[in-house]
Amino acid sequence: MSVYEVIASILIVAATFLSVATAIALWRAPDALSRVNLLGPTIGLAIPLVLVAKLIVDSAEHGFSLVNLLKVLLTLFGVWIIGSVGSYYMGRSIYGVTVTDVKHALRKE
């Protein structure tokens, strides 16, 4: 194995560990709101680690490509933005369904 394969393998193993840890935490979470908040390690770290590992392997085998770097950066920012906005909206919708606002409930009566 060459050096770039070792580095890529370490990144993939770290991403796998984060994904498995997130899956275990999701399984043990008490409610839906907690599950939405637990997606951070996978979205924030595991997916970017996989993308960087792929970029390292491609750069080592085919040479550095600015287009590949731009694709990885665009994908990273896309994942982070979509993950943030998606978890915000999922959290707000779950919070609205699962939590009863006592002040609002008393006004209806």
N, C-alpha and C. Protein backbone atom coordinates (compact mmCIF):
# COMPACT_ATOMS: atom_id res chain seq x y z
N MET A 1 0.85 -1.18 0.00
CA MET A 1 0.00 0.00 0.00
C MET A 1 0.88 1.23 0.00
N SER A 2 0.47 2.19 -0.77
CA SER A 2 1.23 3.44 -0.81
C SER A 2 0.72 4.40 0.27
N VAL A 3 1.41 5.50 0.39
CA VAL A 3 1.09 6.46 1.46
C VAL A 3 -0.31 7.05 1.27
N TYR A 4 -0.68 7.39 0.04
CA TYR A 4 -2.00 7.99 -0.17
C TYR A 4 -3.12 7.00 0.14
N GLU A 5 -2.89 5.72 -0.11
CA GLU A 5 -3.90 4.72 0.22
C GLU A 5 -4.05 4.56 1.73
N VAL A 6 -2.96 4.66 2.45
CA VAL A 6 -3.01 4.58 3.91
C VAL A 6 -3.78 5.78 4.47
N ILE A 7 -3.48 6.96 3.97
CA ILE A 7 -4.18 8.17 4.44
C ILE A 7 -5.67 8.08 4.12
N ALA A 8 -6.00 7.67 2.90
CA ALA A 8 -7.40 7.54 2.52
C ALA A 8 -8.10 6.48 3.37
N SER A 9 -7.41 5.39 3.66
CA SER A 9 -8.00 4.33 4.48
C SER A 9 -8.27 4.82 5.90
N ILE A 10 -7.35 5.59 6.45
CA ILE A 10 -7.56 6.13 7.79
C ILE A 10 -8.77 7.06 7.81
N LEU A 11 -8.91 7.89 6.78
CA LEU A 11 -10.06 8.79 6.70
C LEU A 11 -11.37 8.01 6.57
N ILE A 12 -11.36 6.95 5.78
CA ILE A 12 -12.57 6.13 5.61
C ILE A 12 -12.93 5.40 6.91
N VAL A 13 -11.93 4.89 7.61
CA VAL A 13 -12.19 4.22 8.89
C VAL A 13 -12.76 5.21 9.91
N ALA A 14 -12.22 6.43 9.94
CA ALA A 14 -12.75 7.45 10.84
C ALA A 14 -14.19 7.80 10.48
N ALA A 15 -14.48 7.92 9.19
CA ALA A 15 -15.85 8.21 8.75
C ALA A 15 -16.79 7.07 9.11
N THR A 16 -16.32 5.85 8.97
CA THR A 16 -17.14 4.69 9.34
C THR A 16 -17.42 4.68 10.84
N PHE A 17 -16.40 4.97 11.64
CA PHE A 17 -16.59 5.04 13.09
C PHE A 17 -17.63 6.09 13.45
N LEU A 18 -17.54 7.26 12.84
CA LEU A 18 -18.52 8.33 13.12
C LEU A 18 -19.93 7.92 12.70
N SER A 19 -20.06 7.26 11.57
CA SER A 19 -21.38 6.83 11.10
C SER A 19 -21.97 5.77 12.02
N VAL A 20 -21.16 4.81 12.45
CA VAL A 20 -21.65 3.77 13.35
C VAL A 20 -22.01 4.37 14.71
N ALA A 21 -21.19 5.29 15.20
CA ALA A 21 -21.49 5.94 16.48
C ALA A 21 -22.79 6.73 16.39
N THR A 22 -23.01 7.39 15.26
CA THR A 22 -24.26 8.13 15.07
C THR A 22 -25.44 7.18 15.01
N ALA A 23 -25.30 6.05 14.33
CA ALA A 23 -26.39 5.07 14.25
C ALA A 23 -26.73 4.52 15.63
N ILE A 24 -25.72 4.23 16.43
CA ILE A 24 -25.97 3.73 17.78
C ILE A 24 -26.65 4.80 18.63
N ALA A 25 -26.19 6.03 18.50
CA ALA A 25 -26.81 7.12 19.27
C ALA A 25 -28.25 7.35 18.83
N LEU A 26 -28.52 7.24 17.52
CA LEU A 26 -29.90 7.39 17.04
C LEU A 26 -30.79 6.28 17.59
N TRP A 27 -30.25 5.10 17.68
CA TRP A 27 -31.01 3.97 18.19
C TRP A 27 -31.36 4.15 19.67
N ARG A 28 -30.46 4.77 20.41
CA ARG A 28 -30.66 4.95 21.85
C ARG A 28 -31.36 6.26 22.22
N ALA A 29 -31.59 7.13 21.27
CA ALA A 29 -32.19 8.43 21.56
C ALA A 29 -33.63 8.25 22.05
N PRO A 30 -34.03 9.03 23.02
CA PRO A 30 -35.36 8.84 23.61
C PRO A 30 -36.53 9.34 22.77
N ASP A 31 -36.30 10.36 21.94
CA ASP A 31 -37.43 10.90 21.17
C ASP A 31 -36.93 11.39 19.80
N ALA A 32 -37.89 11.79 18.97
CA ALA A 32 -37.58 12.19 17.59
C ALA A 32 -36.76 13.47 17.53
N LEU A 33 -37.00 14.39 18.43
CA LEU A 33 -36.24 15.65 18.43
C LEU A 33 -34.76 15.40 18.73
N SER A 34 -34.48 14.50 19.63
CA SER A 34 -33.09 14.14 19.93
C SER A 34 -32.43 13.46 18.73
N ARG A 35 -33.18 12.64 18.01
CA ARG A 35 -32.63 11.96 16.84
C ARG A 35 -32.23 12.94 15.75
N VAL A 36 -33.03 13.97 15.54
CA VAL A 36 -32.68 14.97 14.53
C VAL A 36 -31.38 15.67 14.90
N ASN A 37 -31.21 15.97 16.16
CA ASN A 37 -30.01 16.67 16.61
C ASN A 37 -28.76 15.80 16.60
N LEU A 38 -28.90 14.49 16.51
CA LEU A 38 -27.76 13.59 16.54
C LEU A 38 -27.14 13.33 15.17
N LEU A 39 -27.67 13.91 14.12
CA LEU A 39 -27.14 13.68 12.78
C LEU A 39 -25.88 14.47 12.48
N GLY A 40 -25.46 15.34 13.38
CA GLY A 40 -24.32 16.21 13.15
C GLY A 40 -23.00 15.53 12.81
N PRO A 41 -22.58 14.48 13.53
CA PRO A 41 -21.30 13.87 13.19
C PRO A 41 -21.25 13.28 11.78
N THR A 42 -22.34 12.72 11.34
CA THR A 42 -22.34 12.15 9.99
C THR A 42 -22.35 13.23 8.94
N ILE A 43 -23.21 14.22 9.09
CA ILE A 43 -23.30 15.30 8.10
C ILE A 43 -22.08 16.20 8.16
N GLY A 44 -21.63 16.52 9.37
CA GLY A 44 -20.56 17.49 9.51
C GLY A 44 -19.16 16.93 9.32
N LEU A 45 -18.95 15.64 9.62
CA LEU A 45 -17.60 15.09 9.57
C LEU A 45 -17.45 13.87 8.67
N ALA A 46 -18.35 12.90 8.77
CA ALA A 46 -18.16 11.64 8.05
C ALA A 46 -18.21 11.83 6.54
N ILE A 47 -19.20 12.52 6.04
CA ILE A 47 -19.31 12.74 4.60
C ILE A 47 -18.13 13.56 4.07
N PRO A 48 -17.72 14.65 4.73
CA PRO A 48 -16.53 15.35 4.26
C PRO A 48 -15.26 14.49 4.29
N LEU A 49 -15.11 13.62 5.28
CA LEU A 49 -13.94 12.74 5.31
C LEU A 49 -13.92 11.80 4.12
N VAL A 50 -15.07 11.27 3.75
CA VAL A 50 -15.14 10.40 2.57
C VAL A 50 -14.79 11.18 1.31
N LEU A 51 -15.30 12.39 1.19
CA LEU A 51 -15.00 13.22 0.01
C LEU A 51 -13.51 13.55 -0.08
N VAL A 52 -12.90 13.88 1.04
CA VAL A 52 -11.47 14.20 1.03
C VAL A 52 -10.64 12.96 0.70
N ALA A 53 -11.05 11.80 1.22
CA ALA A 53 -10.34 10.56 0.90
C ALA A 53 -10.40 10.27 -0.60
N LYS A 54 -11.56 10.46 -1.18
CA LYS A 54 -11.71 10.25 -2.63
C LYS A 54 -10.86 11.24 -3.42
N LEU A 55 -10.80 12.48 -2.97
CA LEU A 55 -9.97 13.48 -3.64
C LEU A 55 -8.49 13.11 -3.55
N ILE A 56 -8.06 12.61 -2.42
CA ILE A 56 -6.66 12.21 -2.26
C ILE A 56 -6.32 11.06 -3.20
N VAL A 57 -7.19 10.06 -3.28
CA VAL A 57 -6.94 8.92 -4.16
C VAL A 57 -6.94 9.35 -5.62
N ASP A 58 -7.91 10.16 -6.02
CA ASP A 58 -7.95 10.63 -7.41
C ASP A 58 -6.73 11.47 -7.76
N SER A 59 -6.32 12.33 -6.85
CA SER A 59 -5.15 13.17 -7.11
C SER A 59 -3.88 12.35 -7.22
N ALA A 60 -3.77 11.32 -6.41
CA ALA A 60 -2.56 10.50 -6.46
C ALA A 60 -2.52 9.61 -7.70
N GLU A 61 -3.67 9.13 -8.14
CA GLU A 61 -3.68 8.22 -9.29
C GLU A 61 -3.71 8.94 -10.63
N HIS A 62 -4.42 10.06 -10.71
CA HIS A 62 -4.59 10.74 -11.99
C HIS A 62 -3.97 12.12 -12.03
N GLY A 63 -3.36 12.54 -10.97
CA GLY A 63 -2.81 13.89 -10.90
C GLY A 63 -3.84 14.87 -10.35
N PHE A 64 -3.34 15.98 -9.83
CA PHE A 64 -4.24 16.97 -9.23
C PHE A 64 -5.08 17.63 -10.30
N SER A 65 -6.35 17.78 -10.01
CA SER A 65 -7.28 18.43 -10.93
C SER A 65 -8.04 19.51 -10.16
N LEU A 66 -7.97 20.71 -10.67
CA LEU A 66 -8.69 21.82 -10.05
C LEU A 66 -10.20 21.60 -10.12
N VAL A 67 -10.65 20.96 -11.19
CA VAL A 67 -12.08 20.68 -11.33
C VAL A 67 -12.55 19.74 -10.22
N ASN A 68 -11.77 18.70 -9.93
CA ASN A 68 -12.14 17.78 -8.83
C ASN A 68 -12.15 18.49 -7.49
N LEU A 69 -11.18 19.36 -7.26
CA LEU A 69 -11.14 20.12 -6.02
C LEU A 69 -12.38 21.02 -5.89
N LEU A 70 -12.75 21.69 -6.96
CA LEU A 70 -13.94 22.54 -6.93
C LEU A 70 -15.21 21.72 -6.71
N LYS A 71 -15.26 20.53 -7.31
CA LYS A 71 -16.43 19.66 -7.09
C LYS A 71 -16.53 19.24 -5.63
N VAL A 72 -15.39 18.89 -5.03
CA VAL A 72 -15.40 18.48 -3.62
C VAL A 72 -15.80 19.65 -2.73
N LEU A 73 -15.25 20.83 -2.99
CA LEU A 73 -15.61 22.00 -2.18
C LEU A 73 -17.08 22.36 -2.33
N LEU A 74 -17.60 22.31 -3.54
CA LEU A 74 -19.02 22.60 -3.77
C LEU A 74 -19.89 21.56 -3.07
N THR A 75 -19.49 20.30 -3.12
CA THR A 75 -20.24 19.25 -2.45
C THR A 75 -20.19 19.42 -0.93
N LEU A 76 -19.02 19.77 -0.40
CA LEU A 76 -18.89 19.99 1.05
C LEU A 76 -19.82 21.09 1.53
N PHE A 77 -19.75 22.23 0.86
CA PHE A 77 -20.60 23.34 1.28
C PHE A 77 -22.08 23.01 1.07
N GLY A 78 -22.40 22.29 0.01
CA GLY A 78 -23.78 21.87 -0.22
C GLY A 78 -24.29 20.96 0.87
N VAL A 79 -23.48 19.98 1.26
CA VAL A 79 -23.88 19.06 2.32
C VAL A 79 -24.08 19.82 3.63
N TRP A 80 -23.14 20.70 3.95
CA TRP A 80 -23.26 21.44 5.21
C TRP A 80 -24.47 22.36 5.21
N ILE A 81 -24.74 23.04 4.12
CA ILE A 81 -25.88 23.96 4.06
C ILE A 81 -27.19 23.19 4.09
N ILE A 82 -27.29 22.17 3.24
CA ILE A 82 -28.54 21.39 3.19
C ILE A 82 -28.77 20.66 4.51
N GLY A 83 -27.69 20.12 5.10
CA GLY A 83 -27.83 19.45 6.39
C GLY A 83 -28.29 20.39 7.48
N SER A 84 -27.75 21.59 7.50
CA SER A 84 -28.14 22.57 8.53
C SER A 84 -29.58 23.01 8.36
N VAL A 85 -29.94 23.37 7.16
CA VAL A 85 -31.31 23.84 6.91
C VAL A 85 -32.30 22.71 7.11
N GLY A 86 -31.96 21.51 6.62
CA GLY A 86 -32.86 20.37 6.78
C GLY A 86 -33.09 19.99 8.22
N SER A 87 -32.01 19.96 9.00
CA SER A 87 -32.18 19.59 10.42
C SER A 87 -32.93 20.69 11.17
N TYR A 88 -32.75 21.95 10.76
CA TYR A 88 -33.49 23.04 11.40
C TYR A 88 -34.99 22.85 11.16
N TYR A 89 -35.37 22.61 9.91
CA TYR A 89 -36.79 22.47 9.61
C TYR A 89 -37.38 21.19 10.21
N MET A 90 -36.61 20.10 10.21
CA MET A 90 -37.11 18.88 10.85
C MET A 90 -37.28 19.09 12.34
N GLY A 91 -36.31 19.74 12.96
CA GLY A 91 -36.40 20.01 14.39
C GLY A 91 -37.58 20.90 14.74
N ARG A 92 -37.79 21.94 13.94
CA ARG A 92 -38.93 22.84 14.20
C ARG A 92 -40.25 22.12 14.03
N SER A 93 -40.37 21.28 13.00
CA SER A 93 -41.64 20.59 12.79
C SER A 93 -41.88 19.54 13.87
N ILE A 94 -40.84 18.84 14.29
CA ILE A 94 -41.00 17.85 15.35
C ILE A 94 -41.30 18.55 16.68
N TYR A 95 -40.63 19.67 16.94
CA TYR A 95 -40.88 20.41 18.17
C TYR A 95 -42.33 20.89 18.21
N GLY A 96 -42.85 21.34 17.08
CA GLY A 96 -44.23 21.81 17.03
C GLY A 96 -45.24 20.71 17.29
N VAL A 97 -44.91 19.49 16.94
CA VAL A 97 -45.84 18.38 17.12
C VAL A 97 -45.71 17.77 18.51
N THR A 98 -44.49 17.70 19.04
CA THR A 98 -44.28 16.96 20.28
C THR A 98 -44.39 17.80 21.55
N VAL A 99 -44.22 19.11 21.46
CA VAL A 99 -44.23 19.95 22.65
C VAL A 99 -45.53 20.74 22.70
N THR A 100 -46.18 20.70 23.84
CA THR A 100 -47.42 21.45 24.02
C THR A 100 -47.10 22.77 24.69
N ASP A 101 -47.53 23.85 24.07
CA ASP A 101 -47.33 25.18 24.64
C ASP A 101 -48.46 25.41 25.64
N VAL A 102 -48.13 25.48 26.89
CA VAL A 102 -49.13 25.58 27.95
C VAL A 102 -49.91 26.89 27.84
N LYS A 103 -49.24 28.00 27.57
CA LYS A 103 -49.93 29.28 27.47
C LYS A 103 -50.94 29.27 26.32
N HIS A 104 -50.54 28.70 25.19
CA HIS A 104 -51.45 28.64 24.05
C HIS A 104 -52.62 27.69 24.32
N ALA A 105 -52.37 26.59 24.99
CA ALA A 105 -53.41 25.64 25.31
C ALA A 105 -54.43 26.22 26.28
N LEU A 106 -53.99 27.06 27.23
CA LEU A 106 -54.91 27.66 28.20
C LEU A 106 -55.79 28.71 27.55
N ARG A 107 -55.31 29.41 26.52
CA ARG A 107 -56.12 30.44 25.86
C ARG A 107 -57.28 29.85 25.08
N LYS A 108 -57.15 28.64 24.56
CA LYS A 108 -58.20 28.03 23.77
C LYS A 108 -59.40 27.63 24.62
N GLU A 109 -59.17 27.38 25.88
CA GLU A 109 -60.26 26.90 26.73
C GLU A 109 -61.21 27.97 27.11
